């Protein structure tokens, strides 16, 4: 997970996995590493450091998706699986605003996902002002 949080390119993470999977009995995937890394960061809830680390992961996923189009090891949808529940929560409004901004900035969103995130952002703004 640390290599993912450091923002290393997805293909590097994949190479590390190939090396480690050959010596371990359980098989991990890039998708699972990215999702676990995001979840562990969200569990920490540590402000600016958190958003910087999440941004590094999103940049890596975005770069990978653009380069590998047909052979993606991890996609925007995989990232959204982890981040949507947090974005939909009104519990952490500052984190939500930051996450929504980063998702819009780095990920290739479907129209449906974009609309949903816009709804979350609107709700977050309204809840913080009323």
N, C-alpha and C. Protein backbone atom coordinates (compact mmCIF):
# COMPACT_ATOMS: atom_id res chain seq x y z
N UNK A 1 0.81 -1.20 0.00
CA UNK A 1 0.00 0.00 0.00
C UNK A 1 0.86 1.26 0.00
N UNK A 2 2.00 1.20 0.65
CA UNK A 2 2.84 2.40 0.74
C UNK A 2 3.30 2.87 -0.63
N UNK A 3 3.59 1.94 -1.53
CA UNK A 3 4.03 2.36 -2.86
C UNK A 3 2.91 3.09 -3.59
N UNK A 4 1.70 2.71 -3.33
CA UNK A 4 0.55 3.38 -3.94
C UNK A 4 0.36 4.76 -3.34
N UNK A 5 0.45 4.86 -2.02
CA UNK A 5 0.26 6.13 -1.32
C UNK A 5 1.36 7.12 -1.69
N UNK A 6 2.54 6.62 -2.00
CA UNK A 6 3.64 7.49 -2.42
C UNK A 6 3.41 8.07 -3.81
N UNK A 7 2.43 7.52 -4.54
CA UNK A 7 2.12 8.04 -5.86
C UNK A 7 2.94 7.43 -6.98
N UNK A 8 3.53 6.26 -6.73
CA UNK A 8 4.30 5.62 -7.79
C UNK A 8 3.38 5.21 -8.94
N UNK A 9 3.91 5.18 -10.15
CA UNK A 9 3.09 4.79 -11.30
C UNK A 9 2.48 3.40 -11.12
N UNK A 10 1.30 3.22 -11.66
CA UNK A 10 0.56 1.96 -11.55
C UNK A 10 1.38 0.79 -12.09
N UNK A 11 2.12 0.99 -13.16
CA UNK A 11 2.91 -0.10 -13.74
C UNK A 11 4.02 -0.54 -12.79
N UNK A 12 4.58 0.38 -11.99
CA UNK A 12 5.57 0.01 -10.97
C UNK A 12 4.91 -0.86 -9.92
N UNK A 13 3.72 -0.44 -9.50
CA UNK A 13 3.00 -1.22 -8.49
C UNK A 13 2.72 -2.62 -9.02
N UNK A 14 2.35 -2.70 -10.29
CA UNK A 14 2.10 -4.00 -10.91
C UNK A 14 3.36 -4.86 -10.92
N UNK A 15 4.50 -4.25 -11.20
CA UNK A 15 5.77 -4.99 -11.19
C UNK A 15 6.09 -5.50 -9.78
N UNK A 16 5.89 -4.67 -8.78
CA UNK A 16 6.10 -5.11 -7.39
C UNK A 16 5.18 -6.27 -7.05
N UNK A 17 3.95 -6.20 -7.52
CA UNK A 17 2.99 -7.27 -7.24
C UNK A 17 3.42 -8.58 -7.87
N UNK A 18 3.91 -8.51 -9.10
CA UNK A 18 4.37 -9.74 -9.76
C UNK A 18 5.49 -10.39 -8.96
N UNK A 19 6.38 -9.58 -8.43
CA UNK A 19 7.47 -10.12 -7.62
C UNK A 19 6.95 -10.72 -6.31
N UNK A 20 6.06 -9.99 -5.64
CA UNK A 20 5.57 -10.48 -4.35
C UNK A 20 4.60 -11.65 -4.50
N UNK A 21 3.79 -11.65 -5.54
CA UNK A 21 2.82 -12.73 -5.72
C UNK A 21 3.50 -14.06 -6.02
N UNK A 22 4.69 -14.00 -6.59
CA UNK A 22 5.39 -15.24 -6.88
C UNK A 22 5.90 -15.91 -5.61
N UNK A 23 6.02 -15.15 -4.52
CA UNK A 23 6.50 -15.71 -3.26
C UNK A 23 5.41 -15.89 -2.22
N UNK A 24 4.20 -15.45 -2.53
CA UNK A 24 3.10 -15.55 -1.56
C UNK A 24 2.00 -16.44 -2.11
N UNK A 25 1.19 -16.94 -1.21
CA UNK A 25 0.12 -17.84 -1.61
C UNK A 25 -1.14 -17.10 -2.06
N UNK A 26 -1.34 -15.89 -1.57
CA UNK A 26 -2.51 -15.13 -1.99
C UNK A 26 -2.12 -14.15 -3.10
N UNK A 27 -3.01 -13.97 -4.01
CA UNK A 27 -2.75 -13.10 -5.16
C UNK A 27 -3.44 -11.76 -4.92
N UNK A 28 -2.65 -10.71 -4.99
CA UNK A 28 -3.20 -9.35 -4.88
C UNK A 28 -3.21 -8.74 -6.27
N UNK A 29 -4.11 -7.78 -6.46
CA UNK A 29 -4.19 -7.08 -7.74
C UNK A 29 -3.91 -5.60 -7.51
N UNK A 30 -3.61 -4.92 -8.60
CA UNK A 30 -3.39 -3.47 -8.52
C UNK A 30 -4.67 -2.81 -8.03
N UNK A 31 -5.80 -3.26 -8.54
CA UNK A 31 -7.09 -2.70 -8.13
C UNK A 31 -7.25 -2.82 -6.61
N UNK A 32 -6.97 -3.99 -6.05
CA UNK A 32 -7.15 -4.17 -4.61
C UNK A 32 -6.17 -3.31 -3.81
N UNK A 33 -4.95 -3.17 -4.31
CA UNK A 33 -3.96 -2.33 -3.63
C UNK A 33 -4.41 -0.88 -3.60
N UNK A 34 -4.87 -0.38 -4.74
CA UNK A 34 -5.34 1.01 -4.81
C UNK A 34 -6.54 1.22 -3.89
N UNK A 35 -7.49 0.30 -3.95
CA UNK A 35 -8.68 0.44 -3.11
C UNK A 35 -8.34 0.35 -1.63
N UNK A 36 -7.48 -0.57 -1.25
CA UNK A 36 -7.07 -0.70 0.15
C UNK A 36 -6.30 0.54 0.62
N UNK A 37 -5.48 1.09 -0.25
CA UNK A 37 -4.72 2.29 0.10
C UNK A 37 -5.65 3.46 0.35
N UNK A 38 -6.61 3.64 -0.54
CA UNK A 38 -7.59 4.72 -0.36
C UNK A 38 -8.39 4.52 0.93
N UNK A 39 -8.82 3.29 1.17
CA UNK A 39 -9.61 3.02 2.36
C UNK A 39 -8.81 3.27 3.63
N UNK A 40 -7.54 2.86 3.62
CA UNK A 40 -6.72 3.08 4.82
C UNK A 40 -6.50 4.58 5.06
N UNK A 41 -6.36 5.35 3.99
CA UNK A 41 -6.23 6.80 4.15
C UNK A 41 -7.52 7.41 4.70
N UNK A 42 -8.64 6.97 4.19
CA UNK A 42 -9.93 7.49 4.66
C UNK A 42 -10.18 7.13 6.11
N UNK A 43 -9.70 5.98 6.52
CA UNK A 43 -9.85 5.57 7.91
C UNK A 43 -9.03 6.45 8.86
N UNK A 44 -7.94 7.02 8.33
CA UNK A 44 -7.09 7.91 9.14
C UNK A 44 -7.75 9.26 9.39
N UNK A 45 -8.41 9.80 8.36
CA UNK A 45 -9.06 11.12 8.44
C UNK A 45 -8.11 12.19 8.96
N UNK A 46 -7.02 12.47 8.24
CA UNK A 46 -6.03 13.42 8.75
C UNK A 46 -5.86 14.67 7.88
N UNK A 47 -6.92 15.33 7.48
CA UNK A 47 -6.87 16.65 6.84
C UNK A 47 -6.07 16.76 5.57
N UNK A 48 -5.18 17.79 5.53
CA UNK A 48 -4.44 18.12 4.32
C UNK A 48 -3.53 16.99 3.85
N UNK A 49 -2.87 16.32 4.80
CA UNK A 49 -2.01 15.19 4.43
C UNK A 49 -2.82 14.14 3.69
N UNK A 50 -4.01 13.92 4.17
CA UNK A 50 -4.89 12.95 3.56
C UNK A 50 -5.21 13.34 2.11
N UNK A 51 -5.58 14.58 1.88
CA UNK A 51 -5.93 14.99 0.53
C UNK A 51 -4.72 14.96 -0.40
N UNK A 52 -3.54 15.27 0.12
CA UNK A 52 -2.32 15.20 -0.71
C UNK A 52 -2.03 13.76 -1.11
N UNK A 53 -2.20 12.83 -0.17
CA UNK A 53 -1.93 11.42 -0.47
C UNK A 53 -2.98 10.86 -1.44
N UNK A 54 -4.23 11.23 -1.23
CA UNK A 54 -5.28 10.77 -2.15
C UNK A 54 -5.05 11.35 -3.54
N UNK A 55 -4.62 12.60 -3.59
CA UNK A 55 -4.35 13.23 -4.89
C UNK A 55 -3.25 12.48 -5.64
N UNK A 56 -2.22 12.04 -4.94
CA UNK A 56 -1.14 11.27 -5.59
C UNK A 56 -1.70 9.98 -6.21
N UNK A 57 -2.57 9.31 -5.48
CA UNK A 57 -3.16 8.07 -5.98
C UNK A 57 -4.03 8.36 -7.20
N UNK A 58 -4.85 9.39 -7.12
CA UNK A 58 -5.72 9.74 -8.25
C UNK A 58 -4.92 10.14 -9.48
N UNK A 59 -3.82 10.85 -9.28
CA UNK A 59 -2.97 11.21 -10.42
C UNK A 59 -2.38 9.96 -11.07
N UNK A 60 -1.95 9.00 -10.26
CA UNK A 60 -1.39 7.75 -10.80
C UNK A 60 -2.43 6.99 -11.60
N UNK A 61 -3.64 6.90 -11.04
CA UNK A 61 -4.72 6.18 -11.73
C UNK A 61 -5.07 6.90 -13.03
N UNK A 62 -5.18 8.21 -12.98
CA UNK A 62 -5.52 8.99 -14.16
C UNK A 62 -4.47 8.83 -15.26
N UNK A 63 -3.21 8.94 -14.89
CA UNK A 63 -2.12 8.78 -15.86
C UNK A 63 -2.14 7.38 -16.47
N UNK A 64 -2.34 6.38 -15.63
CA UNK A 64 -2.39 5.00 -16.09
C UNK A 64 -3.55 4.79 -17.06
N UNK A 65 -4.70 5.32 -16.72
CA UNK A 65 -5.89 5.16 -17.56
C UNK A 65 -5.70 5.79 -18.93
N UNK A 66 -5.05 6.94 -18.96
CA UNK A 66 -4.82 7.64 -20.23
C UNK A 66 -3.81 6.90 -21.09
N UNK A 67 -2.77 6.33 -20.46
CA UNK A 67 -1.73 5.62 -21.21
C UNK A 67 -2.18 4.24 -21.68
N UNK A 68 -2.89 3.53 -20.82
CA UNK A 68 -3.18 2.12 -21.07
C UNK A 68 -4.58 1.85 -21.60
N UNK A 69 -5.35 2.84 -21.90
CA UNK A 69 -6.75 2.78 -22.30
C UNK A 69 -7.40 1.41 -22.32
N UNK A 70 -6.90 0.47 -23.12
CA UNK A 70 -7.54 -0.84 -23.25
C UNK A 70 -7.06 -1.87 -22.23
N UNK A 71 -5.93 -1.63 -21.59
CA UNK A 71 -5.35 -2.61 -20.68
C UNK A 71 -5.22 -2.07 -19.26
N UNK A 72 -6.20 -1.35 -18.81
CA UNK A 72 -6.13 -0.73 -17.47
C UNK A 72 -6.17 -1.78 -16.37
N UNK A 73 -5.27 -1.63 -15.44
CA UNK A 73 -5.23 -2.50 -14.27
C UNK A 73 -6.12 -1.96 -13.16
N UNK A 74 -6.40 -0.67 -13.21
CA UNK A 74 -7.29 -0.01 -12.26
C UNK A 74 -7.94 1.16 -12.99
N UNK A 75 -9.21 1.40 -12.72
CA UNK A 75 -9.94 2.43 -13.45
C UNK A 75 -10.58 3.45 -12.49
N UNK A 76 -11.12 4.49 -13.07
CA UNK A 76 -11.84 5.49 -12.28
C UNK A 76 -12.99 4.85 -11.51
N UNK A 77 -13.66 3.91 -12.12
CA UNK A 77 -14.78 3.22 -11.46
C UNK A 77 -14.32 2.49 -10.21
N UNK A 78 -13.14 1.90 -10.28
CA UNK A 78 -12.59 1.19 -9.12
C UNK A 78 -12.34 2.16 -7.96
N UNK A 79 -11.86 3.34 -8.29
CA UNK A 79 -11.60 4.36 -7.28
C UNK A 79 -12.92 4.88 -6.71
N UNK A 80 -13.88 5.10 -7.59
CA UNK A 80 -15.18 5.61 -7.14
C UNK A 80 -15.90 4.64 -6.20
N UNK A 81 -15.67 3.35 -6.38
CA UNK A 81 -16.27 2.36 -5.47
C UNK A 81 -15.94 2.67 -4.02
N UNK A 82 -14.72 3.11 -3.80
CA UNK A 82 -14.26 3.40 -2.44
C UNK A 82 -14.66 4.80 -2.00
N UNK A 83 -14.60 5.76 -2.91
CA UNK A 83 -14.78 7.15 -2.52
C UNK A 83 -16.23 7.64 -2.52
N UNK A 84 -17.11 7.00 -3.29
CA UNK A 84 -18.51 7.45 -3.33
C UNK A 84 -19.17 7.46 -1.96
N UNK A 85 -19.03 6.41 -1.15
CA UNK A 85 -19.68 6.45 0.17
C UNK A 85 -19.21 7.62 1.03
N UNK A 86 -17.95 7.98 0.92
CA UNK A 86 -17.43 9.10 1.70
C UNK A 86 -18.00 10.41 1.17
N UNK A 87 -18.06 10.53 -0.14
CA UNK A 87 -18.59 11.74 -0.76
C UNK A 87 -20.07 11.93 -0.46
N UNK A 88 -20.78 10.85 -0.31
CA UNK A 88 -22.22 10.94 -0.06
C UNK A 88 -22.53 11.26 1.40
N UNK A 89 -21.55 11.11 2.26
CA UNK A 89 -21.74 11.36 3.68
C UNK A 89 -21.66 12.86 3.97
N UNK A 90 -22.49 13.34 4.87
CA UNK A 90 -22.43 14.74 5.29
C UNK A 90 -21.57 14.89 6.54
N UNK A 91 -21.01 13.80 6.98
CA UNK A 91 -20.22 13.75 8.22
C UNK A 91 -18.92 14.57 8.12
N UNK A 92 -18.25 14.51 6.97
CA UNK A 92 -16.95 15.17 6.80
C UNK A 92 -17.03 16.17 5.65
N UNK A 93 -17.66 17.31 5.87
CA UNK A 93 -17.92 18.23 4.77
C UNK A 93 -16.64 18.79 4.12
N UNK A 94 -15.61 19.10 4.92
CA UNK A 94 -14.37 19.62 4.32
C UNK A 94 -13.68 18.56 3.47
N UNK A 95 -13.62 17.35 3.98
CA UNK A 95 -13.03 16.25 3.22
C UNK A 95 -13.84 16.00 1.95
N UNK A 96 -15.14 16.04 2.06
CA UNK A 96 -16.00 15.80 0.90
C UNK A 96 -15.74 16.81 -0.20
N UNK A 97 -15.64 18.08 0.16
CA UNK A 97 -15.38 19.12 -0.84
C UNK A 97 -14.06 18.86 -1.55
N UNK A 98 -13.04 18.53 -0.77
CA UNK A 98 -11.73 18.25 -1.35
C UNK A 98 -11.78 17.03 -2.26
N UNK A 99 -12.41 15.95 -1.79
CA UNK A 99 -12.52 14.74 -2.59
C UNK A 99 -13.27 14.99 -3.89
N UNK A 100 -14.37 15.70 -3.80
CA UNK A 100 -15.17 15.99 -4.99
C UNK A 100 -14.35 16.79 -6.01
N UNK A 101 -13.60 17.75 -5.51
CA UNK A 101 -12.74 18.54 -6.41
C UNK A 101 -11.69 17.64 -7.08
N UNK A 102 -11.04 16.79 -6.30
CA UNK A 102 -10.00 15.91 -6.84
C UNK A 102 -10.58 14.90 -7.84
N UNK A 103 -11.74 14.36 -7.53
CA UNK A 103 -12.37 13.40 -8.45
C UNK A 103 -12.68 14.06 -9.79
N UNK A 104 -13.23 15.27 -9.73
CA UNK A 104 -13.54 16.00 -10.97
C UNK A 104 -12.28 16.34 -11.74
N UNK A 105 -11.21 16.64 -11.02
CA UNK A 105 -9.96 17.05 -11.64
C UNK A 105 -9.23 15.90 -12.34
N UNK A 106 -9.21 14.72 -11.70
CA UNK A 106 -8.34 13.65 -12.19
C UNK A 106 -9.03 12.48 -12.88
N UNK A 107 -10.26 12.19 -12.56
CA UNK A 107 -10.86 10.96 -13.06
C UNK A 107 -11.74 11.18 -14.28
N UNK A 108 -11.81 10.16 -15.10
CA UNK A 108 -12.72 10.15 -16.24
C UNK A 108 -14.06 9.67 -15.71
N UNK A 109 -14.99 10.59 -15.57
CA UNK A 109 -16.27 10.26 -14.98
C UNK A 109 -17.34 10.08 -16.04
N UNK A 110 -18.19 9.11 -15.83
CA UNK A 110 -19.36 8.96 -16.70
C UNK A 110 -20.32 10.10 -16.38
N UNK A 111 -21.27 10.33 -17.27
CA UNK A 111 -22.26 11.38 -17.02
C UNK A 111 -23.02 11.11 -15.72
N UNK A 112 -23.34 9.85 -15.50
CA UNK A 112 -24.06 9.46 -14.28
C UNK A 112 -23.23 9.75 -13.03
N UNK A 113 -21.95 9.40 -13.06
CA UNK A 113 -21.08 9.66 -11.91
C UNK A 113 -20.90 11.16 -11.69
N UNK A 114 -20.74 11.88 -12.77
CA UNK A 114 -20.58 13.33 -12.67
C UNK A 114 -21.81 13.96 -12.03
N UNK A 115 -22.98 13.54 -12.46
CA UNK A 115 -24.23 14.07 -11.91
C UNK A 115 -24.36 13.71 -10.43
N UNK A 116 -24.03 12.50 -10.10
CA UNK A 116 -24.09 12.06 -8.71
C UNK A 116 -23.13 12.86 -7.83
N UNK A 117 -21.92 13.07 -8.31
CA UNK A 117 -20.94 13.84 -7.54
C UNK A 117 -21.37 15.30 -7.42
N UNK A 118 -22.01 15.82 -8.45
CA UNK A 118 -22.54 17.18 -8.40
C UNK A 118 -23.64 17.28 -7.33
N UNK A 119 -24.46 16.26 -7.25
CA UNK A 119 -25.49 16.21 -6.22
C UNK A 119 -24.85 16.19 -4.82
N UNK A 120 -23.82 15.37 -4.65
CA UNK A 120 -23.12 15.30 -3.36
C UNK A 120 -22.51 16.66 -3.00
N UNK A 121 -21.92 17.31 -4.00
CA UNK A 121 -21.29 18.60 -3.77
C UNK A 121 -22.34 19.64 -3.37
N UNK A 122 -23.45 19.64 -4.04
CA UNK A 122 -24.54 20.57 -3.72
C UNK A 122 -25.04 20.33 -2.31
N UNK A 123 -25.25 19.07 -1.97
CA UNK A 123 -25.71 18.73 -0.64
C UNK A 123 -24.70 19.14 0.43
N UNK A 124 -23.42 18.97 0.13
CA UNK A 124 -22.37 19.34 1.07
C UNK A 124 -22.37 20.85 1.30
N UNK A 125 -22.52 21.61 0.24
CA UNK A 125 -22.55 23.08 0.35
C UNK A 125 -23.78 23.51 1.16
N UNK A 126 -24.91 22.94 0.85
CA UNK A 126 -26.14 23.30 1.56
C UNK A 126 -26.07 22.94 3.04
N UNK A 127 -25.54 21.77 3.33
CA UNK A 127 -25.48 21.35 4.74
C UNK A 127 -24.50 22.19 5.55
N UNK A 128 -23.46 22.68 4.91
CA UNK A 128 -22.49 23.51 5.64
C UNK A 128 -22.98 24.93 5.83
N UNK A 129 -23.94 25.36 5.01
CA UNK A 129 -24.45 26.73 5.12
C UNK A 129 -25.76 26.85 5.88
N UNK A 130 -26.41 25.74 6.15
CA UNK A 130 -27.69 25.81 6.84
C UNK A 130 -27.69 24.97 8.09
